[in-house]
PDB file of all heavy atoms in Angstrom:
ATOM      1  N   ALA A   1       0.802  -1.144   0.028  1.00  0.00           N
ATOM      2  CA  ALA A   1      -0.028  -0.018  -0.004  1.00  0.00           C
ATOM      3  C   ALA A   1       0.872   1.194  -0.004  1.00  0.00           C
ATOM      4  O   ALA A   1       1.821   1.279   0.777  1.00  0.00           O
ATOM      5  CB  ALA A   1      -0.976   0.015   1.194  1.00  0.00           C
ATOM      6  N   TYR A   2       0.500   2.188  -0.877  1.00  0.00           N
ATOM      7  CA  TYR A   2       1.275   3.408  -1.075  1.00  0.00           C
ATOM      8  C   TYR A   2       0.397   4.628  -0.901  1.00  0.00           C
ATOM      9  O   TYR A   2      -0.775   4.558  -1.210  1.00  0.00           O
ATOM     10  CB  TYR A   2       1.968   3.489  -2.453  1.00  0.00           C
ATOM     11  CG  TYR A   2       2.868   2.359  -2.740  1.00  0.00           C
ATOM     12  CD1 TYR A   2       2.374   1.107  -3.150  1.00  0.00           C
ATOM     13  CD2 TYR A   2       4.231   2.581  -2.691  1.00  0.00           C
ATOM     14  CE1 TYR A   2       3.315   0.025  -3.527  1.00  0.00           C
ATOM     15  CE2 TYR A   2       5.085   1.503  -3.005  1.00  0.00           C
ATOM     16  CZ  TYR A   2       4.609   0.218  -3.411  1.00  0.00           C
ATOM     17  OH  TYR A   2       5.442  -0.758  -3.703  1.00  0.00           O
ATOM     18  N   ALA A   3       0.978   5.648  -0.328  1.00  0.00           N
ATOM     19  CA  ALA A   3       0.246   6.960  -0.180  1.00  0.00           C
ATOM     20  C   ALA A   3       0.912   8.042  -1.060  1.00  0.00           C
ATOM     21  O   ALA A   3       2.121   8.184  -0.906  1.00  0.00           O
ATOM     22  CB  ALA A   3       0.175   7.412   1.305  1.00  0.00           C
ATOM     23  N   ILE A   4       0.118   8.767  -1.841  1.00  0.00           N
ATOM     24  CA  ILE A   4       0.618   9.930  -2.580  1.00  0.00           C
ATOM     25  C   ILE A   4       0.190  11.151  -1.820  1.00  0.00           C
ATOM     26  O   ILE A   4      -1.062  11.372  -1.653  1.00  0.00           O
ATOM     27  CB  ILE A   4       0.083   9.957  -3.980  1.00  0.00           C
ATOM     28  CG1 ILE A   4       0.539   8.668  -4.755  1.00  0.00           C
ATOM     29  CG2 ILE A   4       0.676  11.177  -4.755  1.00  0.00           C
ATOM     30  CD1 ILE A   4      -0.121   8.540  -6.125  1.00  0.00           C
ATOM     31  N   LEU A   5       1.105  11.848  -1.220  1.00  0.00           N
ATOM     32  CA  LEU A   5       0.797  12.961  -0.310  1.00  0.00           C
ATOM     33  C   LEU A   5       1.071  14.334  -1.007  1.00  0.00           C
ATOM     34  O   LEU A   5       1.949  14.447  -1.847  1.00  0.00           O
ATOM     35  CB  LEU A   5       1.553  12.791   0.972  1.00  0.00           C
ATOM     36  CG  LEU A   5       1.717  11.475   1.668  1.00  0.00           C
ATOM     37  CD1 LEU A   5       2.553  11.496   2.852  1.00  0.00           C
ATOM     38  CD2 LEU A   5       0.239  11.014   2.007  1.00  0.00           C
ATOM     39  N   GLY A   6       0.268  15.318  -0.535  1.00  0.00           N
ATOM     40  CA  GLY A   6       0.448  16.632  -1.040  1.00  0.00           C
ATOM     41  C   GLY A   6      -0.714  17.545  -0.669  1.00  0.00           C
ATOM     42  O   GLY A   6      -1.786  17.018  -0.499  1.00  0.00           O
ATOM     43  N   HIS A   7      -0.495  18.873  -0.619  1.00  0.00           N
ATOM     44  CA  HIS A   7      -1.591  19.744  -0.370  1.00  0.00           C
ATOM     45  C   HIS A   7      -2.626  19.766  -1.492  1.00  0.00           C
ATOM     46  O   HIS A   7      -2.344  19.272  -2.633  1.00  0.00           O
ATOM     47  CB  HIS A   7      -1.041  21.134  -0.098  1.00  0.00           C
ATOM     48  CG  HIS A   7      -0.160  21.699  -1.246  1.00  0.00           C
ATOM     49  ND1 HIS A   7      -0.688  22.217  -2.321  1.00  0.00           N
ATOM     50  CD2 HIS A   7       1.213  21.824  -1.363  1.00  0.00           C
ATOM     51  CE1 HIS A   7       0.329  22.640  -3.156  1.00  0.00           C
ATOM     52  NE2 HIS A   7       1.476  22.379  -2.534  1.00  0.00           N
ATOM     53  N   ASN A   8      -3.718  20.357  -1.348  1.00  0.00           N
ATOM     54  CA  ASN A   8      -4.703  20.570  -2.396  1.00  0.00           C
ATOM     55  C   ASN A   8      -4.134  21.319  -3.577  1.00  0.00           C
ATOM     56  O   ASN A   8      -3.507  22.300  -3.406  1.00  0.00           O
ATOM     57  CB  ASN A   8      -5.961  21.266  -1.834  1.00  0.00           C
ATOM     58  CG  ASN A   8      -6.758  20.473  -0.849  1.00  0.00           C
ATOM     59  OD1 ASN A   8      -6.574  19.192  -0.768  1.00  0.00           O
ATOM     60  ND2 ASN A   8      -7.504  21.132  -0.044  1.00  0.00           N
ATOM     61  N   GLY A   9      -4.310  20.711  -4.767  1.00  0.00           N
ATOM     62  CA  GLY A   9      -3.789  21.344  -6.017  1.00  0.00           C
ATOM     63  C   GLY A   9      -2.371  21.032  -6.313  1.00  0.00           C
ATOM     64  O   GLY A   9      -1.836  21.512  -7.247  1.00  0.00           O
ATOM     65  N   SER A  10      -1.732  20.118  -5.474  1.00  0.00           N
ATOM     66  CA  SER A  10      -0.390  19.769  -5.672  1.00  0.00           C
ATOM     67  C   SER A  10      -0.137  18.762  -6.771  1.00  0.00           C
ATOM     68  O   SER A  10       0.992  18.589  -7.286  1.00  0.00           O
ATOM     69  CB  SER A  10       0.262  19.256  -4.396  1.00  0.00           C
ATOM     70  OG  SER A  10      -0.417  18.055  -4.018  1.00  0.00           O
ATOM     71  N   GLY A  11      -1.131  18.046  -7.300  1.00  0.00           N
ATOM     72  CA  GLY A  11      -1.037  17.173  -8.362  1.00  0.00           C
ATOM     73  C   GLY A  11      -1.186  15.690  -7.984  1.00  0.00           C
ATOM     74  O   GLY A  11      -1.049  14.836  -8.889  1.00  0.00           O
ATOM     75  N   LYS A  12      -1.476  15.348  -6.783  1.00  0.00           N
ATOM     76  CA  LYS A  12      -1.583  13.946  -6.376  1.00  0.00           C
ATOM     77  C   LYS A  12      -2.728  13.300  -7.002  1.00  0.00           C
ATOM     78  O   LYS A  12      -2.578  12.133  -7.409  1.00  0.00           O
ATOM     79  CB  LYS A  12      -1.656  13.935  -4.813  1.00  0.00           C
ATOM     80  CG  LYS A  12      -2.794  14.635  -4.151  1.00  0.00           C
ATOM     81  CD  LYS A  12      -2.776  14.547  -2.631  1.00  0.00           C
ATOM     82  CE  LYS A  12      -3.986  15.106  -1.986  1.00  0.00           C
ATOM     83  NZ  LYS A  12      -4.145  16.576  -2.237  1.00  0.00           N
ATOM     84  N   SER A  13      -3.839  13.897  -7.203  1.00  0.00           N
ATOM     85  CA  SER A  13      -4.941  13.290  -7.942  1.00  0.00           C
ATOM     86  C   SER A  13      -4.675  13.112  -9.380  1.00  0.00           C
ATOM     87  O   SER A  13      -5.075  12.120  -9.969  1.00  0.00           O
ATOM     88  CB  SER A  13      -6.211  14.111  -7.714  1.00  0.00           C
ATOM     89  OG  SER A  13      -6.674  14.164  -6.349  1.00  0.00           O
ATOM     90  N   THR A  14      -3.985  13.968 -10.015  1.00  0.00           N
ATOM     91  CA  THR A  14      -3.496  13.939 -11.340  1.00  0.00           C
ATOM     92  C   THR A  14      -2.628  12.681 -11.592  1.00  0.00           C
ATOM     93  O   THR A  14      -2.834  11.932 -12.503  1.00  0.00           O
ATOM     94  CB  THR A  14      -2.745  15.245 -11.765  1.00  0.00           C
ATOM     95  OG1 THR A  14      -3.630  16.363 -11.689  1.00  0.00           O
ATOM     96  CG2 THR A  14      -2.237  15.086 -13.231  1.00  0.00           C
ATOM     97  N   LEU A  15      -1.671  12.519 -10.662  1.00  0.00           N
ATOM     98  CA  LEU A  15      -0.813  11.363 -10.765  1.00  0.00           C
ATOM     99  C   LEU A  15      -1.588  10.080 -10.543  1.00  0.00           C
ATOM    100  O   LEU A  15      -1.381   9.049 -11.293  1.00  0.00           O
ATOM    101  CB  LEU A  15       0.248  11.426  -9.677  1.00  0.00           C
ATOM    102  CG  LEU A  15       1.197  10.125  -9.545  1.00  0.00           C
ATOM    103  CD1 LEU A  15       1.891   9.979 -10.901  1.00  0.00           C
ATOM    104  CD2 LEU A  15       2.192  10.400  -8.429  1.00  0.00           C
ATOM    105  N   LEU A  16      -2.601  10.088  -9.701  1.00  0.00           N
ATOM    106  CA  LEU A  16      -3.371   8.907  -9.483  1.00  0.00           C
ATOM    107  C   LEU A  16      -4.200   8.546 -10.724  1.00  0.00           C
ATOM    108  O   LEU A  16      -4.300   7.372 -11.136  1.00  0.00           O
ATOM    109  CB  LEU A  16      -4.355   9.066  -8.304  1.00  0.00           C
ATOM    110  CG  LEU A  16      -4.945   7.764  -7.626  1.00  0.00           C
ATOM    111  CD1 LEU A  16      -3.882   6.971  -6.964  1.00  0.00           C
ATOM    112  CD2 LEU A  16      -6.053   8.153  -6.699  1.00  0.00           C
ATOM    113  N   ASN A  17      -4.738   9.521 -11.406  1.00  0.00           N
ATOM    114  CA  ASN A  17      -5.470   9.311 -12.670  1.00  0.00           C
ATOM    115  C   ASN A  17      -4.591   8.829 -13.766  1.00  0.00           C
ATOM    116  O   ASN A  17      -4.996   8.074 -14.654  1.00  0.00           O
ATOM    117  CB  ASN A  17      -6.140  10.614 -13.058  1.00  0.00           C
ATOM    118  CG  ASN A  17      -7.482  10.766 -12.367  1.00  0.00           C
ATOM    119  OD1 ASN A  17      -8.502  10.207 -12.783  1.00  0.00           O
ATOM    120  ND2 ASN A  17      -7.564  11.498 -11.226  1.00  0.00           N
ATOM    121  N   ILE A  18      -3.313   9.265 -13.750  1.00  0.00           N
ATOM    122  CA  ILE A  18      -2.356   8.755 -14.773  1.00  0.00           C
ATOM    123  C   ILE A  18      -2.095   7.258 -14.563  1.00  0.00           C
ATOM    124  O   ILE A  18      -2.066   6.473 -15.438  1.00  0.00           O
ATOM    125  CB  ILE A  18      -1.079   9.537 -14.762  1.00  0.00           C
ATOM    126  CG1 ILE A  18      -1.369  10.995 -15.294  1.00  0.00           C
ATOM    127  CG2 ILE A  18       0.044   8.858 -15.533  1.00  0.00           C
ATOM    128  CD1 ILE A  18      -0.146  11.926 -15.230  1.00  0.00           C
ATOM    129  N   LEU A  19      -1.849   6.961 -13.240  1.00  0.00           N
ATOM    130  CA  LEU A  19      -1.564   5.535 -12.893  1.00  0.00           C
ATOM    131  C   LEU A  19      -2.760   4.621 -13.221  1.00  0.00           C
ATOM    132  O   LEU A  19      -2.577   3.445 -13.461  1.00  0.00           O
ATOM    133  CB  LEU A  19      -1.264   5.457 -11.374  1.00  0.00           C
ATOM    134  CG  LEU A  19       0.040   6.209 -10.906  1.00  0.00           C
ATOM    135  CD1 LEU A  19       0.223   6.030  -9.378  1.00  0.00           C
ATOM    136  CD2 LEU A  19       1.320   5.645 -11.614  1.00  0.00           C
ATOM    137  N   SER A  20      -3.937   5.162 -13.221  1.00  0.00           N
ATOM    138  CA  SER A  20      -5.181   4.442 -13.496  1.00  0.00           C
ATOM    139  C   SER A  20      -5.386   4.317 -15.098  1.00  0.00           C
ATOM    140  O   SER A  20      -6.249   3.439 -15.489  1.00  0.00           O
ATOM    141  CB  SER A  20      -6.413   5.082 -12.881  1.00  0.00           C
ATOM    142  OG  SER A  20      -6.809   6.267 -13.696  1.00  0.00           O
ATOM    143  N   GLY A  21      -4.660   5.035 -15.875  1.00  0.00           N
ATOM    144  CA  GLY A  21      -4.817   5.079 -17.235  1.00  0.00           C
ATOM    145  C   GLY A  21      -5.987   6.033 -17.754  1.00  0.00           C
ATOM    146  O   GLY A  21      -6.101   6.130 -18.949  1.00  0.00           O
ATOM    147  N   TYR A  22      -6.625   6.719 -16.850  1.00  0.00           N
ATOM    148  CA  TYR A  22      -7.638   7.682 -17.224  1.00  0.00           C
ATOM    149  C   TYR A  22      -7.034   8.981 -17.812  1.00  0.00           C
ATOM    150  O   TYR A  22      -7.700   9.617 -18.640  1.00  0.00           O
ATOM    151  CB  TYR A  22      -8.484   8.037 -16.060  1.00  0.00           C
ATOM    152  CG  TYR A  22      -9.317   6.926 -15.471  1.00  0.00           C
ATOM    153  CD1 TYR A  22      -9.798   6.947 -14.144  1.00  0.00           C
ATOM    154  CD2 TYR A  22      -9.662   5.763 -16.274  1.00  0.00           C
ATOM    155  CE1 TYR A  22     -10.570   5.846 -13.620  1.00  0.00           C
ATOM    156  CE2 TYR A  22     -10.444   4.806 -15.760  1.00  0.00           C
ATOM    157  CZ  TYR A  22     -10.940   4.807 -14.515  1.00  0.00           C
ATOM    158  OH  TYR A  22     -11.643   3.757 -14.042  1.00  0.00           O
ATOM    159  N   LEU A  23      -5.754   9.313 -17.426  1.00  0.00           N
ATOM    160  CA  LEU A  23      -5.142  10.488 -18.066  1.00  0.00           C
ATOM    161  C   LEU A  23      -3.839  10.037 -18.693  1.00  0.00           C
ATOM    162  O   LEU A  23      -3.186   9.039 -18.238  1.00  0.00           O
ATOM    163  CB  LEU A  23      -4.828  11.517 -16.929  1.00  0.00           C
ATOM    164  CG  LEU A  23      -5.781  12.502 -16.479  1.00  0.00           C
ATOM    165  CD1 LEU A  23      -5.154  13.476 -15.401  1.00  0.00           C
ATOM    166  CD2 LEU A  23      -6.320  13.353 -17.609  1.00  0.00           C
ATOM    167  N   SER A  24      -3.442  10.615 -19.755  1.00  0.00           N
ATOM    168  CA  SER A  24      -2.189  10.329 -20.434  1.00  0.00           C
ATOM    169  C   SER A  24      -1.133  11.191 -19.832  1.00  0.00           C
ATOM    170  O   SER A  24      -1.404  12.338 -19.252  1.00  0.00           O
ATOM    171  CB  SER A  24      -2.406  10.631 -21.974  1.00  0.00           C
ATOM    172  OG  SER A  24      -2.677  12.000 -22.165  1.00  0.00           O
ATOM    173  N   THR A  25       0.068  10.669 -19.877  1.00  0.00           N
ATOM    174  CA  THR A  25       1.218  11.416 -19.438  1.00  0.00           C
ATOM    175  C   THR A  25       1.723  12.331 -20.577  1.00  0.00           C
ATOM    176  O   THR A  25       1.605  12.061 -21.735  1.00  0.00           O
ATOM    177  CB  THR A  25       2.289  10.497 -18.941  1.00  0.00           C
ATOM    178  OG1 THR A  25       3.390  11.236 -18.397  1.00  0.00           O
ATOM    179  CG2 THR A  25       2.791   9.576 -20.049  1.00  0.00           C
ATOM    180  N   SER A  26       2.445  13.436 -20.138  1.00  0.00           N
ATOM    181  CA  SER A  26       2.997  14.288 -21.080  1.00  0.00           C
ATOM    182  C   SER A  26       4.416  13.932 -21.513  1.00  0.00           C
ATOM    183  O   SER A  26       4.926  14.240 -22.581  1.00  0.00           O
ATOM    184  CB  SER A  26       3.130  15.683 -20.513  1.00  0.00           C
ATOM    185  OG  SER A  26       1.758  16.187 -20.233  1.00  0.00           O
ATOM    186  N   GLU A  27       5.043  13.198 -20.556  1.00  0.00           N
ATOM    187  CA  GLU A  27       6.408  12.607 -20.914  1.00  0.00           C
ATOM    188  C   GLU A  27       6.699  11.467 -19.986  1.00  0.00           C
ATOM    189  O   GLU A  27       6.038  11.240 -19.044  1.00  0.00           O
ATOM    190  CB  GLU A  27       7.505  13.696 -20.667  1.00  0.00           C
ATOM    191  CG  GLU A  27       7.656  14.209 -19.281  1.00  0.00           C
ATOM    192  CD  GLU A  27       8.763  15.207 -19.056  1.00  0.00           C
ATOM    193  OE1 GLU A  27       9.283  15.663 -20.037  1.00  0.00           O
ATOM    194  OE2 GLU A  27       9.002  15.533 -17.901  1.00  0.00           O
ATOM    195  N   GLY A  28       7.675  10.609 -20.343  1.00  0.00           N
ATOM    196  CA  GLY A  28       7.997   9.477 -19.560  1.00  0.00           C
ATOM    197  C   GLY A  28       7.267   8.207 -20.004  1.00  0.00           C
ATOM    198  O   GLY A  28       6.466   8.239 -20.908  1.00  0.00           O
ATOM    199  N   THR A  29       7.511   7.171 -19.318  1.00  0.00           N
ATOM    200  CA  THR A  29       6.909   5.922 -19.583  1.00  0.00           C
ATOM    201  C   THR A  29       6.266   5.250 -18.358  1.00  0.00           C
ATOM    202  O   THR A  29       6.623   5.566 -17.151  1.00  0.00           O
ATOM    203  CB  THR A  29       7.962   4.816 -20.032  1.00  0.00           C
ATOM    204  OG1 THR A  29       8.932   4.678 -19.044  1.00  0.00           O
ATOM    205  CG2 THR A  29       8.659   5.353 -21.283  1.00  0.00           C
ATOM    206  N   LEU A  30       5.160   4.475 -18.579  1.00  0.00           N
ATOM    207  CA  LEU A  30       4.362   3.907 -17.579  1.00  0.00           C
ATOM    208  C   LEU A  30       3.950   2.501 -18.039  1.00  0.00           C
ATOM    209  O   LEU A  30       3.530   2.308 -19.156  1.00  0.00           O
ATOM    210  CB  LEU A  30       3.077   4.768 -17.328  1.00  0.00           C
ATOM    211  CG  LEU A  30       1.970   4.167 -16.524  1.00  0.00           C
ATOM    212  CD1 LEU A  30       2.370   4.032 -15.057  1.00  0.00           C
ATOM    213  CD2 LEU A  30       0.710   5.133 -16.611  1.00  0.00           C
ATOM    214  N   SER A  31       4.106   1.475 -17.116  1.00  0.00           N
ATOM    215  CA  SER A  31       3.723   0.100 -17.543  1.00  0.00           C
ATOM    216  C   SER A  31       3.059  -0.591 -16.373  1.00  0.00           C
ATOM    217  O   SER A  31       3.367  -0.310 -15.219  1.00  0.00           O
ATOM    218  CB  SER A  31       4.972  -0.690 -17.960  1.00  0.00           C
ATOM    219  OG  SER A  31       5.898  -0.892 -16.897  1.00  0.00           O
ATOM    220  N   HIS A  32       2.083  -1.420 -16.697  1.00  0.00           N
ATOM    221  CA  HIS A  32       1.375  -2.161 -15.727  1.00  0.00           C
ATOM    222  C   HIS A  32       1.557  -3.742 -16.030  1.00  0.00           C
ATOM    223  O   HIS A  32       1.643  -3.997 -17.326  1.00  0.00           O
ATOM    224  CB  HIS A  32      -0.171  -1.923 -15.760  1.00  0.00           C
ATOM    225  CG  HIS A  32      -0.440  -0.485 -15.489  1.00  0.00           C
ATOM    226  ND1 HIS A  32      -0.288   0.485 -16.362  1.00  0.00           N
ATOM    227  CD2 HIS A  32      -0.958   0.150 -14.328  1.00  0.00           C
ATOM    228  CE1 HIS A  32      -0.648   1.642 -15.870  1.00  0.00           C
ATOM    229  NE2 HIS A  32      -1.103   1.400 -14.733  1.00  0.00           N
ATOM    230  N   SER A  33       1.671  -4.530 -15.040  1.00  0.00           N
ATOM    231  CA  SER A  33       1.735  -5.986 -15.282  1.00  0.00           C
ATOM    232  C   SER A  33       1.249  -6.784 -14.136  1.00  0.00           C
ATOM    233  O   SER A  33       1.229  -6.300 -13.034  1.00  0.00           O
ATOM    234  CB  SER A  33       3.211  -6.375 -15.548  1.00  0.00           C
ATOM    235  OG  SER A  33       4.019  -6.120 -14.414  1.00  0.00           O
ATOM    236  N   ILE A  34       0.845  -8.022 -14.494  1.00  0.00           N
ATOM    237  CA  ILE A  34       0.352  -8.989 -13.422  1.00  0.00           C
ATOM    238  C   ILE A  34       1.187 -10.194 -13.652  1.00  0.00           C
ATOM    239  O   ILE A  34       1.195 -10.780 -14.740  1.00  0.00           O
ATOM    240  CB  ILE A  34      -1.084  -9.264 -13.603  1.00  0.00           C
ATOM    241  CG1 ILE A  34      -1.885  -7.979 -13.267  1.00  0.00           C
ATOM    242  CG2 ILE A  34      -1.520 -10.258 -12.564  1.00  0.00           C
ATOM    243  CD1 ILE A  34      -3.479  -8.118 -13.427  1.00  0.00           C
ATOM    244  N   ASN A  35       1.928 -10.659 -12.664  1.00  0.00           N
ATOM    245  CA  ASN A  35       2.708 -11.780 -12.685  1.00  0.00           C
ATOM    246  C   ASN A  35       3.678 -11.796 -13.873  1.00  0.00           C
ATOM    247  O   ASN A  35       3.869 -12.780 -14.621  1.00  0.00           O
ATOM    248  CB  ASN A  35       1.927 -13.106 -12.731  1.00  0.00           C
ATOM    249  CG  ASN A  35       1.066 -13.281 -11.458  1.00  0.00           C
ATOM    250  OD1 ASN A  35       1.519 -12.955 -10.405  1.00  0.00           O
ATOM    251  ND2 ASN A  35      -0.146 -13.837 -11.711  1.00  0.00           N
ATOM    252  N   GLY A  36       4.206 -10.602 -14.136  1.00  0.00           N
ATOM    253  CA  GLY A  36       5.219 -10.481 -15.263  1.00  0.00           C
ATOM    254  C   GLY A  36       4.570 -10.305 -16.596  1.00  0.00           C
ATOM    255  O   GLY A  36       5.227  -9.959 -17.594  1.00  0.00           O
ATOM    256  N   LYS A  37       3.195 -10.385 -16.718  1.00  0.00           N
ATOM    257  CA  LYS A  37       2.520 -10.256 -18.080  1.00  0.00           C
ATOM    258  C   LYS A  37       2.015  -8.789 -18.207  1.00  0.00           C
ATOM    259  O   LYS A  37       1.271  -8.319 -17.401  1.00  0.00           O
ATOM    260  CB  LYS A  37       1.377 -11.223 -18.135  1.00  0.00           C
ATOM    261  CG  LYS A  37       1.848 -12.660 -18.081  1.00  0.00           C
ATOM    262  CD  LYS A  37       0.689 -13.573 -18.218  1.00  0.00           C
ATOM    263  CE  LYS A  37       1.126 -15.103 -18.255  1.00  0.00           C
ATOM    264  NZ  LYS A  37      -0.055 -15.974 -18.373  1.00  0.00           N
ATOM    265  N   PRO A  38       2.469  -8.088 -19.316  1.00  0.00           N
ATOM    266  CA  PRO A  38       2.088  -6.748 -19.437  1.00  0.00           C
ATOM    267  C   PRO A  38       0.566  -6.621 -19.711  1.00  0.00           C
ATOM    268  O   PRO A  38      -0.052  -7.467 -20.276  1.00  0.00           O
ATOM    269  CB  PRO A  38       2.878  -6.280 -20.757  1.00  0.00           C
ATOM    270  CG  PRO A  38       3.925  -7.302 -20.903  1.00  0.00           C
ATOM    271  CD  PRO A  38       3.397  -8.646 -20.321  1.00  0.00           C
ATOM    272  N   ILE A  39       0.062  -5.461 -19.233  1.00  0.00           N
ATOM    273  CA  ILE A  39      -1.395  -5.159 -19.465  1.00  0.00           C
ATOM    274  C   ILE A  39      -1.446  -3.888 -20.284  1.00  0.00           C
ATOM    275  O   ILE A  39      -0.902  -2.838 -19.876  1.00  0.00           O
ATOM    276  CB  ILE A  39      -2.121  -4.838 -18.054  1.00  0.00           C
ATOM    277  CG1 ILE A  39      -1.977  -6.127 -17.176  1.00  0.00           C
ATOM    278  CG2 ILE A  39      -3.592  -4.601 -18.364  1.00  0.00           C
ATOM    279  CD1 ILE A  39      -2.441  -5.855 -15.782  1.00  0.00           C
ATOM    280  N   GLU A  40      -2.142  -4.003 -21.337  1.00  0.00           N
ATOM    281  CA  GLU A  40      -2.305  -2.798 -22.209  1.00  0.00           C
ATOM    282  C   GLU A  40      -3.276  -1.752 -21.581  1.00  0.00           C
ATOM    283  O   GLU A  40      -4.189  -2.163 -20.852  1.00  0.00           O
ATOM    284  CB  GLU A  40      -2.898  -3.154 -23.622  1.00  0.00           C
ATOM    285  CG  GLU A  40      -2.034  -4.086 -24.402  1.00  0.00           C
ATOM    286  CD  GLU A  40      -0.730  -3.447 -24.799  1.00  0.00           C
ATOM    287  OE1 GLU A  40      -0.712  -2.261 -24.969  1.00  0.00           O
ATOM    288  OE2 GLU A  40       0.291  -4.123 -24.953  1.00  0.00           O
ATOM    289  N   VAL A  41      -3.048  -0.558 -21.761  1.00  0.00           N
ATOM    290  CA  VAL A  41      -3.775   0.524 -21.159  1.00  0.00           C
ATOM    291  C   VAL A  41      -5.277   0.376 -21.455  1.00  0.00           C
ATOM    292  O   VAL A  41      -6.190   0.606 -20.618  1.00  0.00           O
ATOM    293  CB  VAL A  41      -3.265   1.922 -21.581  1.00  0.00           C
ATOM    294  CG1 VAL A  41      -4.256   3.044 -21.026  1.00  0.00           C
ATOM    295  CG2 VAL A  41      -1.874   2.141 -21.017  1.00  0.00           C
ATOM    296  N   ASP A  42      -5.544  -0.045 -22.752  1.00  0.00           N
ATOM    297  CA  ASP A  42      -6.969  -0.212 -23.053  1.00  0.00           C
ATOM    298  C   ASP A  42      -7.732  -1.269 -22.250  1.00  0.00           C
ATOM    299  O   ASP A  42      -8.871  -1.272 -22.125  1.00  0.00           O
ATOM    300  CB  ASP A  42      -7.132  -0.537 -24.498  1.00  0.00           C
ATOM    301  CG  ASP A  42      -6.704   0.630 -25.429  1.00  0.00           C
ATOM    302  OD1 ASP A  42      -6.569   1.760 -24.840  1.00  0.00           O
ATOM    303  OD2 ASP A  42      -6.476   0.461 -26.656  1.00  0.00           O
ATOM    304  N   HIS A  43      -6.961  -2.155 -21.653  1.00  0.00           N
ATOM    305  CA  HIS A  43      -7.535  -3.261 -20.824  1.00  0.00           C
ATOM    306  C   HIS A  43      -7.464  -3.101 -19.287  1.00  0.00           C
ATOM    307  O   HIS A  43      -7.834  -3.905 -18.580  1.00  0.00           O
ATOM    308  CB  HIS A  43      -7.006  -4.636 -21.306  1.00  0.00           C
ATOM    309  CG  HIS A  43      -7.168  -4.974 -22.694  1.00  0.00           C
ATOM    310  ND1 HIS A  43      -6.297  -5.616 -23.572  1.00  0.00           N
ATOM    311  CD2 HIS A  43      -8.236  -4.701 -23.561  1.00  0.00           C
ATOM    312  CE1 HIS A  43      -6.708  -5.735 -24.732  1.00  0.00           C
ATOM    313  NE2 HIS A  43      -7.923  -5.265 -24.786  1.00  0.00           N
ATOM    314  N   LEU A  44      -6.831  -2.019 -19.063  1.00  0.00           N
ATOM    315  CA  LEU A  44      -6.462  -1.783 -17.599  1.00  0.00           C
ATOM    316  C   LEU A  44      -7.688  -1.592 -16.656  1.00  0.00           C
ATOM    317  O   LEU A  44      -7.700  -2.016 -15.538  1.00  0.00           O
ATOM    318  CB  LEU A  44      -5.555  -0.553 -17.443  1.00  0.00           C
ATOM    319  CG  LEU A  44      -5.037  -0.206 -16.074  1.00  0.00           C
ATOM    320  CD1 LEU A  44      -4.220  -1.405 -15.453  1.00  0.00           C
ATOM    321  CD2 LEU A  44      -4.178   1.039 -16.064  1.00  0.00           C
ATOM    322  N   PHE A  45      -8.777  -1.088 -17.246  1.00  0.00           N
ATOM    323  CA  PHE A  45      -9.989  -0.819 -16.394  1.00  0.00           C
ATOM    324  C   PHE A  45     -10.481  -2.085 -15.851  1.00  0.00           C
ATOM    325  O   PHE A  45     -11.189  -2.085 -14.789  1.00  0.00           O
ATOM    326  CB  PHE A  45     -11.020  -0.100 -17.290  1.00  0.00           C
ATOM    327  CG  PHE A  45     -11.661  -0.882 -18.338  1.00  0.00           C
ATOM    328  CD1 PHE A  45     -12.869  -1.524 -18.078  1.00  0.00           C
ATOM    329  CD2 PHE A  45     -11.138  -1.079 -19.583  1.00  0.00           C
ATOM    330  CE1 PHE A  45     -13.484  -2.384 -19.024  1.00  0.00           C
ATOM    331  CE2 PHE A  45     -11.710  -1.880 -20.582  1.00  0.00           C
ATOM    332  CZ  PHE A  45     -12.832  -2.407 -20.302  1.00  0.00           C
ATOM    333  N   ARG A  46     -10.237  -3.219 -16.428  1.00  0.00           N
ATOM    334  CA  ARG A  46     -10.795  -4.471 -15.945  1.00  0.00           C
ATOM    335  C   ARG A  46      -9.968  -4.916 -14.702  1.00  0.00           C
ATOM    336  O   ARG A  46     -10.471  -5.839 -14.003  1.00  0.00           O
ATOM    337  CB  ARG A  46     -10.745  -5.579 -17.030  1.00  0.00           C
ATOM    338  CG  ARG A  46     -11.526  -5.278 -18.271  1.00  0.00           C
ATOM    339  CD  ARG A  46     -11.541  -6.498 -19.149  1.00  0.00           C
ATOM    340  NE  ARG A  46     -12.435  -6.391 -20.402  1.00  0.00           N
ATOM    341  CZ  ARG A  46     -11.931  -5.971 -21.526  1.00  0.00           C
ATOM    342  NH1 ARG A  46     -10.690  -5.657 -21.653  1.00  0.00           N
ATOM    343  NH2 ARG A  46     -12.806  -5.883 -22.534  1.00  0.00           N
ATOM    344  N   GLN A  47      -8.898  -4.358 -14.474  1.00  0.00           N
ATOM    345  CA  GLN A  47      -7.940  -4.788 -13.406  1.00  0.00           C
ATOM    346  C   GLN A  47      -7.930  -3.885 -12.284  1.00  0.00           C
ATOM    347  O   GLN A  47      -7.041  -4.047 -11.271  1.00  0.00           O
ATOM    348  CB  GLN A  47      -6.541  -5.025 -13.993  1.00  0.00           C
ATOM    349  CG  GLN A  47      -6.479  -5.833 -15.221  1.00  0.00           C
ATOM    350  CD  GLN A  47      -6.938  -7.352 -14.899  1.00  0.00           C
ATOM    351  OE1 GLN A  47      -6.837  -7.796 -13.808  1.00  0.00           O
ATOM    352  NE2 GLN A  47      -7.287  -8.044 -15.933  1.00  0.00           N
ATOM    353  N   LEU A  48      -8.751  -2.815 -12.269  1.00  0.00           N
ATOM    354  CA  LEU A  48      -8.647  -1.827 -11.157  1.00  0.00           C
ATOM    355  C   LEU A  48     -10.075  -1.454 -10.682  1.00  0.00           C
ATOM    356  O   LEU A  48     -11.061  -1.608 -11.353  1.00  0.00           O
ATOM    357  CB  LEU A  48      -7.906  -0.632 -11.620  1.00  0.00           C
ATOM    358  CG  LEU A  48      -8.495   0.323 -12.713  1.00  0.00           C
ATOM    359  CD1 LEU A  48      -9.525   1.321 -12.123  1.00  0.00           C
ATOM    360  CD2 LEU A  48      -7.387   1.073 -13.394  1.00  0.00           C
TER     361      LEU A  48
END
């Protein structure tokens, strides 16, 4: 279990939405996997 901390408007909810696949990132890379098997962003909603 992880906590993303910050004051209101600091971007913590934005980061959470990126990790969920609901928002796209402007730069960098993001990957999700289960037992080493990659999950495509389009199928991520079934796993969260």
